[in-house]
Amino acid sequence: MNPIVLIPARMASTRLPGKPLADIAGRPMIVHVLDRARAADIGPVAVATADRDIADVVERAGGTAVLTDPALPSGSDRIWQALQQLDPQGLHDTVINLQGDLPGVDPQNLRDVLRPLADAQTDIATLVAPVRDGAEAAAQSVVKVACTFAPDAQVARALYFSRLPIPWGDGPLWHHIGIYAYRRAALACFVSLPESGLEKREKLEQLRALEAGLTMGCARITTAPFGVDTPADLERARATLGNMA
């Protein structure tokens, strides 16, 4: 594999406008994410953004930024357009989509997400972590994955994603982490597809891939990195990362 890490970021967040540039421990959030991605040391890293302000901050931090069409509907479309600009020759056969709102992501997680692609039949890889308690299981903001890990296995196939606590019955629940590794051909296929019925119903983009017959694999990790979606999340990130500084 020859991976590239692309970080989609935009200022127009519904719940926390301007969050990529929110200050955390003296640095914009997008720079924290950029630094974590570079620390993984698995390939080049770039930020895909429609906003000049974000691109300027990334470039001042020594990073690469690609300006993309503001009209693109999703982060997946944004990274695909950035990939065409950065790598028109198709040298990178694996594309990691790292969300720009994960300032505390462990660089090891970017290596972990590549593990399911060791199976040639897997088109897209992602991460899961154990659901810790009933509140996490019930939270609609926490996406759950129906998957089963064989004893001592670290990789499983994703069968379905939902905001409900699936599957029913006794056994572990798995919290989906929105970091993806795509085979380049799978990403090209994915962004060419229209929204699917289940995607619209659950408000989960990854269901488009499953409905189209793409195979998704999950790598298990111990703890889900926290995302920043709300002002409360931002204060948590400031407290956590400020203590680490």
Protein backbone atom coordinates (compact mmCIF):
# COMPACT_ATOMS: atom_id res chain seq x y z
CA MET A 1 0.00 0.00 0.00
CA ASN A 2 1.01 3.58 -0.69
CA PRO A 3 -1.24 5.69 1.55
CA ILE A 4 -2.01 9.39 1.57
CA VAL A 5 -3.83 11.07 4.48
CA LEU A 6 -6.40 13.72 3.58
CA ILE A 7 -8.19 15.86 6.17
CA PRO A 8 -11.43 17.53 5.07
CA ALA A 9 -12.19 20.74 6.96
CA ARG A 10 -14.69 23.55 6.56
CA MET A 11 -15.71 26.64 8.48
CA ALA A 12 -19.47 26.20 8.02
CA SER A 13 -20.13 23.67 10.78
CA THR A 14 -23.80 23.73 11.82
CA ARG A 15 -23.28 23.27 15.55
CA LEU A 16 -19.89 24.94 15.94
CA PRO A 17 -19.13 27.39 13.11
CA GLY A 18 -15.44 28.00 12.51
CA LYS A 19 -14.36 25.02 14.58
CA PRO A 20 -11.25 24.08 12.53
CA LEU A 21 -9.67 27.35 13.69
CA ALA A 22 -10.87 27.12 17.31
CA ASP A 23 -7.99 27.63 19.71
CA ILE A 24 -6.92 24.58 21.71
CA ALA A 25 -3.87 24.96 23.94
CA GLY A 26 -2.60 27.87 21.86
CA ARG A 27 -3.01 26.29 18.41
CA PRO A 28 -5.93 25.97 15.97
CA MET A 29 -7.69 22.61 16.10
CA ILE A 30 -6.85 21.79 12.48
CA VAL A 31 -3.13 22.11 13.29
CA HIS A 32 -3.50 19.59 16.14
CA VAL A 33 -5.08 17.14 13.68
CA LEU A 34 -2.44 17.87 11.05
CA ASP A 35 0.36 17.22 13.53
CA ARG A 36 -1.18 13.92 14.67
CA ALA A 37 -1.48 12.78 11.07
CA ARG A 38 2.12 13.70 10.29
CA ALA A 39 3.27 11.87 13.44
CA ALA A 40 1.73 8.64 12.08
CA ASP A 41 4.42 8.72 9.37
CA ILE A 42 2.52 6.57 6.89
CA GLY A 43 2.51 8.91 3.90
CA PRO A 44 1.97 12.51 2.82
CA VAL A 45 -0.70 14.55 4.61
CA ALA A 46 -2.86 17.35 3.22
CA VAL A 47 -5.91 19.35 4.31
CA ALA A 48 -8.78 19.61 1.81
CA THR A 49 -10.76 22.78 2.42
CA ALA A 50 -12.98 25.28 0.65
CA ASP A 51 -11.86 28.07 2.99
CA ARG A 52 -8.82 30.26 2.37
CA ASP A 53 -8.56 31.03 6.10
CA ILE A 54 -8.06 27.33 6.90
CA ALA A 55 -5.58 26.90 4.07
CA ASP A 56 -3.53 29.86 5.31
CA VAL A 57 -3.34 28.45 8.84
CA VAL A 58 -2.31 25.02 7.56
CA GLU A 59 0.38 26.47 5.31
CA ARG A 60 1.77 28.66 8.11
CA ALA A 61 2.10 25.47 10.17
CA GLY A 62 4.19 23.92 7.42
CA GLY A 63 1.39 21.77 6.04
CA THR A 64 -0.14 21.26 2.61
CA ALA A 65 -3.62 22.62 1.88
CA VAL A 66 -5.75 22.09 -1.22
CA LEU A 67 -8.62 24.44 -1.98
CA THR A 68 -11.74 22.60 -3.11
CA ASP A 69 -15.12 23.60 -4.51
CA PRO A 70 -17.30 25.11 -1.72
CA ALA A 71 -20.36 23.47 -3.30
CA LEU A 72 -19.16 19.91 -2.67
CA PRO A 73 -21.70 18.08 -0.49
CA SER A 74 -19.41 16.08 1.81
CA GLY A 75 -15.94 15.51 3.17
CA SER A 76 -15.62 12.43 0.97
CA ASP A 77 -16.22 14.53 -2.14
CA ARG A 78 -13.73 17.08 -0.82
CA ILE A 79 -10.92 14.56 -0.36
CA TRP A 80 -11.59 13.02 -3.77
CA GLN A 81 -11.28 16.40 -5.47
CA ALA A 82 -8.11 17.16 -3.49
CA LEU A 83 -6.66 13.79 -4.47
CA GLN A 84 -7.09 14.60 -8.16
CA GLN A 85 -5.05 17.77 -7.67
CA LEU A 86 -2.35 16.23 -5.48
CA ASP A 87 -1.92 12.91 -7.26
CA PRO A 88 -3.24 12.99 -10.84
CA GLN A 89 -0.93 10.10 -11.75
CA GLY A 90 -2.67 7.78 -9.28
CA LEU A 91 0.48 6.87 -7.35
CA HIS A 92 -1.38 6.61 -4.03
CA ASP A 93 -3.58 3.51 -4.04
CA THR A 94 -4.91 4.01 -0.50
CA VAL A 95 -6.64 7.15 0.83
CA ILE A 96 -7.16 7.79 4.53
CA ASN A 97 -9.98 10.19 5.37
CA LEU A 98 -9.20 11.74 8.77
CA GLN A 99 -11.87 14.06 10.12
CA GLY A 100 -10.63 17.55 10.99
CA ASP A 101 -12.45 17.56 14.33
CA LEU A 102 -10.40 14.82 16.05
CA PRO A 103 -7.63 16.86 17.73
CA GLY A 104 -6.82 14.08 20.19
CA VAL A 105 -6.54 11.24 17.69
CA ASP A 106 -3.70 8.82 18.41
CA PRO A 107 -1.31 8.63 15.43
CA GLN A 108 -1.37 4.84 15.88
CA ASN A 109 -5.04 4.87 14.89
CA LEU A 110 -4.04 5.85 11.34
CA ARG A 111 -1.88 2.76 11.15
CA ASP A 112 -4.65 0.65 12.71
CA VAL A 113 -7.22 1.65 10.08
CA LEU A 114 -5.08 0.12 7.35
CA ARG A 115 -5.25 -3.39 8.87
CA PRO A 116 -8.53 -4.52 7.26
CA LEU A 117 -7.12 -3.73 3.80
CA ALA A 118 -4.69 -6.63 4.21
CA ASP A 119 -7.69 -8.64 2.94
CA ALA A 120 -7.85 -8.05 -0.80
CA GLN A 121 -11.66 -8.42 -0.69
CA THR A 122 -12.09 -5.38 1.58
CA ASP A 123 -12.84 -2.10 -0.21
CA ILE A 124 -13.05 0.32 2.73
CA ALA A 125 -11.65 0.10 6.26
CA THR A 126 -12.70 1.92 9.41
CA LEU A 127 -12.26 1.78 13.20
CA VAL A 128 -14.42 0.69 16.13
CA ALA A 129 -14.00 0.79 19.89
CA PRO A 130 -16.06 -0.88 22.64
CA VAL A 131 -19.15 0.98 23.85
CA ARG A 132 -18.46 1.67 27.53
CA ASP A 133 -21.89 2.13 29.09
CA GLY A 134 -25.63 2.48 28.56
CA ALA A 135 -25.49 6.23 27.99
CA GLU A 136 -23.02 5.80 25.16
CA ALA A 137 -25.10 2.98 23.67
CA ALA A 138 -28.26 5.10 23.74
CA ALA A 139 -26.71 8.31 22.39
CA GLN A 140 -27.86 9.04 18.85
CA SER A 141 -24.63 10.93 18.23
CA VAL A 142 -22.68 7.69 18.77
CA VAL A 143 -22.87 5.50 15.67
CA LYS A 144 -22.91 1.77 16.39
CA VAL A 145 -21.68 -0.98 14.08
CA ALA A 146 -23.07 -4.50 13.72
CA CYS A 147 -19.93 -6.63 13.51
CA THR A 148 -18.58 -9.73 15.24
CA PHE A 149 -14.93 -10.33 16.10
CA ALA A 150 -13.76 -13.92 16.24
CA PRO A 151 -11.79 -14.83 19.40
CA ASP A 152 -8.50 -12.88 19.44
CA ALA A 153 -9.31 -11.29 16.06
CA GLN A 154 -8.59 -7.59 15.52
CA VAL A 155 -10.56 -7.22 12.27
CA ALA A 156 -14.23 -7.90 11.45
CA ARG A 157 -16.61 -7.16 8.61
CA ALA A 158 -19.11 -4.31 9.04
CA LEU A 159 -22.66 -5.50 8.35
CA TYR A 160 -24.64 -2.37 9.27
CA PHE A 161 -24.31 1.03 10.94
CA SER A 162 -27.01 2.69 13.04
CA ARG A 163 -27.62 5.35 15.65
CA LEU A 164 -29.51 2.70 17.60
CA PRO A 165 -27.70 0.23 19.92
CA ILE A 166 -27.30 -2.66 17.47
CA PRO A 167 -27.24 -5.65 17.44
CA TRP A 168 -29.91 -6.68 19.95
CA GLY A 169 -29.15 -9.21 22.69
CA ASP A 170 -26.24 -9.95 24.96
CA GLY A 171 -22.73 -9.15 23.83
CA PRO A 172 -20.48 -6.18 23.13
CA LEU A 173 -21.55 -3.09 21.21
CA TRP A 174 -19.12 -1.28 18.96
CA HIS A 175 -18.73 2.49 18.66
CA HIS A 176 -17.88 3.55 15.11
CA ILE A 177 -15.02 6.01 14.68
CA GLY A 178 -15.23 8.14 11.55
CA ILE A 179 -11.76 7.47 10.16
CA TYR A 180 -11.70 5.59 6.85
CA ALA A 181 -9.09 4.01 4.61
CA TYR A 182 -10.32 3.61 1.03
CA ARG A 183 -8.81 1.72 -1.82
CA ARG A 184 -8.57 4.44 -4.43
CA ALA A 185 -11.00 2.65 -6.76
CA ALA A 186 -13.51 2.27 -3.91
CA LEU A 187 -13.38 6.00 -3.16
CA ALA A 188 -13.89 6.79 -6.84
CA CYS A 189 -16.91 4.47 -6.87
CA PHE A 190 -18.31 5.86 -3.62
CA VAL A 191 -18.31 9.53 -4.65
CA SER A 192 -19.96 8.63 -7.97
CA LEU A 193 -22.98 7.11 -6.22
CA PRO A 194 -26.18 8.98 -5.34
CA GLU A 195 -27.40 9.10 -1.76
CA SER A 196 -28.93 5.77 -0.81
CA GLY A 197 -32.21 5.15 0.93
CA LEU A 198 -30.72 3.92 4.20
CA GLU A 199 -28.16 6.71 4.14
CA LYS A 200 -30.96 9.28 4.02
CA ARG A 201 -32.91 7.50 6.76
CA GLU A 202 -30.06 7.05 9.25
CA LYS A 203 -28.11 10.17 8.16
CA LEU A 204 -25.02 7.98 7.79
CA GLU A 205 -22.94 8.28 4.62
CA GLN A 206 -21.23 4.90 5.07
CA LEU A 207 -24.52 3.08 4.44
CA ARG A 208 -24.28 4.23 0.82
CA ALA A 209 -21.20 2.05 0.46
CA LEU A 210 -22.86 -1.00 1.99
CA GLU A 211 -26.00 -0.61 -0.11
CA ALA A 212 -23.84 -0.43 -3.22
CA GLY A 213 -22.17 -3.73 -2.33
CA LEU A 214 -18.81 -2.36 -1.21
CA THR A 215 -17.18 -4.40 1.55
CA MET A 216 -16.20 -2.59 4.74
CA GLY A 217 -13.83 -3.96 7.37
CA CYS A 218 -13.46 -2.78 10.98
CA ALA A 219 -10.26 -2.70 13.01
CA ARG A 220 -10.81 -2.66 16.76
CA ILE A 221 -9.01 -0.22 19.02
CA THR A 222 -9.28 0.28 22.78
CA THR A 223 -10.71 3.80 23.07
CA ALA A 224 -12.56 6.08 20.68
CA PRO A 225 -10.84 9.46 20.15
CA PHE A 226 -13.13 12.31 21.12
CA GLY A 227 -14.58 14.49 18.39
CA VAL A 228 -15.41 18.18 18.63
CA ASP A 229 -18.96 18.92 17.48
CA THR A 230 -20.32 21.28 20.16
CA PRO A 231 -19.07 24.07 22.46
CA ALA A 232 -19.01 21.53 25.31
CA ASP A 233 -16.80 19.21 23.23
CA LEU A 234 -14.46 22.11 22.54
CA GLU A 235 -14.10 22.87 26.24
CA ARG A 236 -13.33 19.21 26.88
CA ALA A 237 -10.65 19.26 24.19
CA ARG A 238 -9.14 22.40 25.67
CA ALA A 239 -9.02 20.87 29.11
CA THR A 240 -7.61 17.53 27.90
CA LEU A 241 -5.02 18.80 25.44
CA GLY A 242 -4.13 21.79 27.58
CA ASN A 243 -3.15 19.40 30.38
CA MET A 244 -1.00 17.43 27.93
CA ALA A 245 0.84 20.50 26.64
